[in-house]
Amino acid sequence: MPRSVNSVAKRARRKKVLKQAKGYFGRRKNVWTVAKNAVEKAMLYSYRDRKAKKRNFRSLWIMRINAAARQQGLSYSQFMGKVKANNIGLNRKVLADLAMNHPEAFKAIVDKVK
């Protein structure tokens, strides 16, 4: 019995990977084995960095809240402790936005928790 080879599916898989490698430099964009490795590595980086992005933004929010709280005479930890104790249901993202874009509203929150 002759050997059955599904060349159509094989070509489709390769085209899919080469399409994902579009924009890469040199052989990474058009040589199958190099492109496959590059795309695989890129997928790992994208998976990892979707998690890292969340950490980075939380860190940024904390820095902004800390800077704004220190202008009002509180440290970040003191401020967040008092926010929790006063049952203010604002998360760090919202507090950081207030600190950056609406300093008078942030000052009102600080005055309320002091």
N, C-alpha and C. Protein backbone atom coordinates (compact mmCIF):
# COMPACT_ATOMS: atom_id res chain seq x y z
N MET A 1 0.85 -1.19 0.00
CA MET A 1 0.00 0.00 0.00
C MET A 1 0.89 1.25 0.00
N PRO A 2 0.59 2.23 -0.85
CA PRO A 2 1.42 3.43 -0.89
C PRO A 2 1.25 4.27 0.38
N ARG A 3 2.30 4.99 0.68
CA ARG A 3 2.32 5.84 1.87
C ARG A 3 1.44 7.06 1.63
N SER A 4 0.60 7.36 2.61
CA SER A 4 -0.31 8.51 2.50
C SER A 4 0.33 9.72 3.19
N VAL A 5 0.43 10.81 2.47
CA VAL A 5 1.01 12.03 3.02
C VAL A 5 0.02 13.16 2.82
N ASN A 6 -0.29 13.84 3.91
CA ASN A 6 -1.26 14.95 3.82
C ASN A 6 -0.50 16.25 3.63
N SER A 7 -0.06 16.51 2.42
CA SER A 7 0.74 17.69 2.12
C SER A 7 -0.04 18.98 2.29
N VAL A 8 -1.35 18.92 2.09
CA VAL A 8 -2.17 20.13 2.20
C VAL A 8 -2.16 20.65 3.64
N ALA A 9 -2.36 19.75 4.58
CA ALA A 9 -2.36 20.15 5.99
C ALA A 9 -0.97 20.61 6.43
N LYS A 10 0.04 19.91 5.93
CA LYS A 10 1.42 20.25 6.27
C LYS A 10 1.74 21.67 5.79
N ARG A 11 1.37 21.97 4.58
CA ARG A 11 1.61 23.31 4.02
C ARG A 11 0.82 24.36 4.81
N ALA A 12 -0.40 24.03 5.20
CA ALA A 12 -1.24 24.99 5.94
C ALA A 12 -0.61 25.32 7.30
N ARG A 13 -0.08 24.29 7.97
CA ARG A 13 0.58 24.52 9.27
C ARG A 13 1.78 25.44 9.11
N ARG A 14 2.55 25.18 8.07
CA ARG A 14 3.76 25.98 7.84
C ARG A 14 3.40 27.41 7.46
N LYS A 15 2.37 27.57 6.64
CA LYS A 15 1.94 28.91 6.25
C LYS A 15 1.47 29.70 7.47
N LYS A 16 0.81 29.00 8.39
CA LYS A 16 0.31 29.67 9.59
C LYS A 16 1.47 30.23 10.41
N VAL A 17 2.51 29.42 10.59
CA VAL A 17 3.67 29.86 11.36
C VAL A 17 4.41 30.98 10.64
N LEU A 18 4.59 30.84 9.31
CA LEU A 18 5.28 31.87 8.56
C LEU A 18 4.50 33.19 8.55
N LYS A 19 3.18 33.08 8.59
CA LYS A 19 2.37 34.30 8.69
C LYS A 19 2.58 34.97 10.04
N GLN A 20 2.71 34.18 11.10
CA GLN A 20 2.97 34.74 12.43
C GLN A 20 4.35 35.38 12.50
N ALA A 21 5.29 34.92 11.67
CA ALA A 21 6.66 35.43 11.68
C ALA A 21 6.81 36.67 10.79
N LYS A 22 5.72 37.15 10.22
CA LYS A 22 5.78 38.31 9.34
C LYS A 22 6.35 39.50 10.11
N GLY A 23 7.30 40.19 9.52
CA GLY A 23 7.91 41.34 10.18
C GLY A 23 9.21 41.02 10.87
N TYR A 24 9.54 39.74 11.00
CA TYR A 24 10.81 39.37 11.61
C TYR A 24 11.94 39.67 10.64
N PHE A 25 13.16 39.75 11.15
CA PHE A 25 14.32 40.12 10.34
C PHE A 25 15.05 38.89 9.81
N GLY A 26 15.50 38.98 8.58
CA GLY A 26 16.35 37.95 8.00
C GLY A 26 15.62 36.63 7.79
N ARG A 27 16.32 35.53 8.05
CA ARG A 27 15.75 34.20 7.80
C ARG A 27 14.63 33.86 8.76
N ARG A 28 14.49 34.63 9.84
CA ARG A 28 13.43 34.36 10.81
C ARG A 28 12.04 34.50 10.19
N LYS A 29 11.93 35.24 9.08
CA LYS A 29 10.61 35.46 8.50
C LYS A 29 10.25 34.49 7.38
N ASN A 30 11.24 33.79 6.79
CA ASN A 30 10.89 33.00 5.61
C ASN A 30 11.49 31.60 5.56
N VAL A 31 12.32 31.21 6.51
CA VAL A 31 12.86 29.86 6.55
C VAL A 31 12.11 29.11 7.65
N TRP A 32 11.49 27.99 7.27
CA TRP A 32 10.58 27.28 8.15
C TRP A 32 11.17 26.98 9.52
N THR A 33 12.35 26.33 9.56
CA THR A 33 12.88 25.89 10.85
C THR A 33 13.26 27.07 11.74
N VAL A 34 13.80 28.12 11.14
CA VAL A 34 14.18 29.30 11.92
C VAL A 34 12.93 30.05 12.37
N ALA A 35 11.97 30.19 11.48
CA ALA A 35 10.72 30.90 11.80
C ALA A 35 9.95 30.17 12.89
N LYS A 36 9.93 28.85 12.81
CA LYS A 36 9.20 28.06 13.81
C LYS A 36 9.77 28.31 15.20
N ASN A 37 11.10 28.29 15.31
CA ASN A 37 11.74 28.55 16.61
C ASN A 37 11.48 29.97 17.09
N ALA A 38 11.55 30.93 16.17
CA ALA A 38 11.35 32.33 16.54
C ALA A 38 9.92 32.57 17.02
N VAL A 39 8.95 31.98 16.32
CA VAL A 39 7.55 32.16 16.69
C VAL A 39 7.27 31.48 18.03
N GLU A 40 7.83 30.30 18.22
CA GLU A 40 7.64 29.58 19.48
C GLU A 40 8.19 30.39 20.65
N LYS A 41 9.37 30.96 20.48
CA LYS A 41 9.98 31.79 21.52
C LYS A 41 9.13 33.04 21.78
N ALA A 42 8.62 33.64 20.69
CA ALA A 42 7.79 34.84 20.83
C ALA A 42 6.51 34.53 21.60
N MET A 43 5.94 33.35 21.36
CA MET A 43 4.73 32.95 22.08
C MET A 43 5.01 32.79 23.57
N LEU A 44 6.18 32.22 23.90
CA LEU A 44 6.54 32.08 25.31
C LEU A 44 6.72 33.44 25.96
N TYR A 45 7.36 34.36 25.26
CA TYR A 45 7.54 35.71 25.79
C TYR A 45 6.20 36.40 25.99
N SER A 46 5.30 36.26 25.03
CA SER A 46 4.01 36.94 25.14
C SER A 46 3.20 36.38 26.30
N TYR A 47 3.26 35.06 26.51
CA TYR A 47 2.56 34.45 27.65
C TYR A 47 3.14 34.97 28.96
N ARG A 48 4.47 34.96 29.07
CA ARG A 48 5.14 35.42 30.29
C ARG A 48 4.84 36.88 30.55
N ASP A 49 4.90 37.69 29.51
CA ASP A 49 4.80 39.13 29.70
C ASP A 49 3.37 39.61 29.91
N ARG A 50 2.38 38.79 29.57
CA ARG A 50 1.01 39.16 29.94
C ARG A 50 0.87 39.16 31.46
N LYS A 51 1.60 38.27 32.12
CA LYS A 51 1.61 38.24 33.58
C LYS A 51 2.46 39.38 34.15
N ALA A 52 3.63 39.61 33.53
CA ALA A 52 4.54 40.66 34.00
C ALA A 52 3.90 42.04 33.87
N LYS A 53 3.09 42.22 32.84
CA LYS A 53 2.43 43.51 32.61
C LYS A 53 1.56 43.88 33.81
N LYS A 54 0.86 42.91 34.36
CA LYS A 54 0.01 43.17 35.52
C LYS A 54 0.85 43.60 36.72
N ARG A 55 1.99 42.92 36.91
CA ARG A 55 2.89 43.30 38.01
C ARG A 55 3.44 44.70 37.82
N ASN A 56 3.81 45.02 36.58
CA ASN A 56 4.39 46.33 36.30
C ASN A 56 3.39 47.46 36.54
N PHE A 57 2.15 47.24 36.14
CA PHE A 57 1.15 48.28 36.35
C PHE A 57 0.83 48.47 37.83
N ARG A 58 0.74 47.36 38.57
CA ARG A 58 0.49 47.49 40.00
C ARG A 58 1.63 48.26 40.66
N SER A 59 2.86 47.99 40.26
CA SER A 59 4.02 48.70 40.79
C SER A 59 3.94 50.20 40.47
N LEU A 60 3.54 50.52 39.25
CA LEU A 60 3.40 51.92 38.85
C LEU A 60 2.34 52.62 39.69
N TRP A 61 1.20 51.96 39.89
CA TRP A 61 0.12 52.55 40.69
C TRP A 61 0.59 52.82 42.11
N ILE A 62 1.34 51.88 42.68
CA ILE A 62 1.83 52.04 44.04
C ILE A 62 2.78 53.23 44.12
N MET A 63 3.65 53.38 43.13
CA MET A 63 4.58 54.52 43.11
C MET A 63 3.82 55.84 43.06
N ARG A 64 2.79 55.90 42.24
CA ARG A 64 2.02 57.13 42.11
C ARG A 64 1.25 57.46 43.38
N ILE A 65 0.65 56.44 43.98
CA ILE A 65 -0.08 56.66 45.23
C ILE A 65 0.88 57.11 46.32
N ASN A 66 2.03 56.47 46.40
CA ASN A 66 3.04 56.81 47.40
C ASN A 66 3.48 58.27 47.25
N ALA A 67 3.75 58.69 46.01
CA ALA A 67 4.20 60.06 45.78
C ALA A 67 3.13 61.07 46.21
N ALA A 68 1.87 60.78 45.84
CA ALA A 68 0.79 61.70 46.18
C ALA A 68 0.51 61.69 47.69
N ALA A 69 0.59 60.53 48.32
CA ALA A 69 0.33 60.43 49.76
C ALA A 69 1.41 61.16 50.55
N ARG A 70 2.65 61.06 50.11
CA ARG A 70 3.75 61.74 50.81
C ARG A 70 3.62 63.26 50.72
N GLN A 71 3.04 63.77 49.65
CA GLN A 71 2.78 65.20 49.56
C GLN A 71 1.76 65.65 50.60
N GLN A 72 0.93 64.69 51.02
CA GLN A 72 -0.08 64.99 52.05
C GLN A 72 0.39 64.60 53.45
N GLY A 73 1.64 64.15 53.57
CA GLY A 73 2.21 63.85 54.88
C GLY A 73 2.01 62.43 55.38
N LEU A 74 1.69 61.51 54.48
CA LEU A 74 1.51 60.09 54.84
C LEU A 74 2.42 59.24 53.96
N SER A 75 2.85 58.10 54.48
CA SER A 75 3.54 57.14 53.63
C SER A 75 2.49 56.28 52.93
N TYR A 76 2.93 55.51 51.94
CA TYR A 76 2.01 54.63 51.21
C TYR A 76 1.35 53.63 52.13
N SER A 77 2.15 52.99 52.98
CA SER A 77 1.59 51.93 53.84
C SER A 77 0.61 52.51 54.86
N GLN A 78 0.93 53.68 55.41
CA GLN A 78 0.00 54.31 56.35
C GLN A 78 -1.31 54.66 55.64
N PHE A 79 -1.17 55.23 54.45
CA PHE A 79 -2.35 55.64 53.69
C PHE A 79 -3.24 54.45 53.35
N MET A 80 -2.63 53.37 52.82
CA MET A 80 -3.43 52.21 52.43
C MET A 80 -4.05 51.53 53.64
N GLY A 81 -3.32 51.51 54.76
CA GLY A 81 -3.89 50.96 55.99
C GLY A 81 -5.13 51.71 56.43
N LYS A 82 -5.06 53.03 56.35
CA LYS A 82 -6.21 53.86 56.76
C LYS A 82 -7.36 53.77 55.76
N VAL A 83 -7.03 53.61 54.49
CA VAL A 83 -8.08 53.43 53.48
C VAL A 83 -8.86 52.16 53.76
N LYS A 84 -8.14 51.07 54.07
CA LYS A 84 -8.81 49.80 54.37
C LYS A 84 -9.61 49.90 55.67
N ALA A 85 -9.02 50.58 56.68
CA ALA A 85 -9.70 50.70 57.98
C ALA A 85 -10.99 51.50 57.86
N ASN A 86 -11.03 52.47 56.95
CA ASN A 86 -12.22 53.30 56.76
C ASN A 86 -13.19 52.73 55.72
N ASN A 87 -12.93 51.50 55.29
CA ASN A 87 -13.79 50.80 54.33
C ASN A 87 -14.04 51.61 53.05
N ILE A 88 -12.99 52.22 52.54
CA ILE A 88 -13.09 52.92 51.27
C ILE A 88 -12.76 51.89 50.18
N GLY A 89 -13.70 51.63 49.31
CA GLY A 89 -13.58 50.53 48.35
C GLY A 89 -12.93 50.91 47.04
N LEU A 90 -11.92 51.77 47.08
CA LEU A 90 -11.21 52.14 45.85
C LEU A 90 -9.95 51.31 45.72
N ASN A 91 -9.74 50.76 44.54
CA ASN A 91 -8.52 49.96 44.33
C ASN A 91 -7.35 50.86 43.95
N ARG A 92 -6.18 50.27 43.82
CA ARG A 92 -4.97 51.03 43.56
C ARG A 92 -5.00 51.72 42.20
N LYS A 93 -5.64 51.09 41.23
CA LYS A 93 -5.73 51.69 39.90
C LYS A 93 -6.50 53.01 39.96
N VAL A 94 -7.61 53.01 40.65
CA VAL A 94 -8.44 54.21 40.76
C VAL A 94 -7.74 55.27 41.60
N LEU A 95 -7.14 54.85 42.71
CA LEU A 95 -6.42 55.80 43.56
C LEU A 95 -5.27 56.46 42.80
N ALA A 96 -4.54 55.68 42.00
CA ALA A 96 -3.43 56.23 41.23
C ALA A 96 -3.94 57.22 40.18
N ASP A 97 -5.08 56.91 39.58
CA ASP A 97 -5.66 57.81 38.59
C ASP A 97 -6.08 59.12 39.26
N LEU A 98 -6.68 59.02 40.42
CA LEU A 98 -7.07 60.23 41.15
C LEU A 98 -5.83 61.05 41.53
N ALA A 99 -4.79 60.36 41.99
CA ALA A 99 -3.57 61.05 42.40
C ALA A 99 -2.94 61.80 41.24
N MET A 100 -2.98 61.23 40.04
CA MET A 100 -2.36 61.86 38.87
C MET A 100 -3.24 62.94 38.26
N ASN A 101 -4.51 62.63 38.05
CA ASN A 101 -5.36 63.49 37.24
C ASN A 101 -6.32 64.37 38.04
N HIS A 102 -6.60 63.99 39.29
CA HIS A 102 -7.54 64.76 40.12
C HIS A 102 -6.97 64.90 41.53
N PRO A 103 -5.92 65.70 41.69
CA PRO A 103 -5.27 65.78 43.00
C PRO A 103 -6.18 66.30 44.10
N GLU A 104 -7.15 67.15 43.76
CA GLU A 104 -8.07 67.65 44.80
C GLU A 104 -8.96 66.54 45.33
N ALA A 105 -9.38 65.62 44.45
CA ALA A 105 -10.18 64.47 44.89
C ALA A 105 -9.34 63.54 45.76
N PHE A 106 -8.08 63.35 45.37
CA PHE A 106 -7.18 62.51 46.18
C PHE A 106 -6.96 63.13 47.55
N LYS A 107 -6.81 64.47 47.58
CA LYS A 107 -6.62 65.17 48.86
C LYS A 107 -7.84 64.99 49.75
N ALA A 108 -9.03 64.99 49.13
CA ALA A 108 -10.26 64.78 49.91
C ALA A 108 -10.28 63.39 50.54
N ILE A 109 -9.80 62.41 49.81
CA ILE A 109 -9.74 61.05 50.37
C ILE A 109 -8.73 61.01 51.52
N VAL A 110 -7.58 61.65 51.34
CA VAL A 110 -6.57 61.68 52.41
C VAL A 110 -7.12 62.36 53.64
N ASP A 111 -7.83 63.48 53.46
CA ASP A 111 -8.41 64.20 54.60
C ASP A 111 -9.47 63.35 55.31
N LYS A 112 -10.19 62.57 54.54
CA LYS A 112 -11.21 61.70 55.14
C LYS A 112 -10.59 60.60 55.99
N VAL A 113 -9.47 60.03 55.53
CA VAL A 113 -8.87 58.91 56.28
C VAL A 113 -7.98 59.37 57.43
N LYS A 114 -7.52 60.62 57.43
CA LYS A 114 -6.65 61.13 58.51
C LYS A 114 -7.44 61.22 59.75
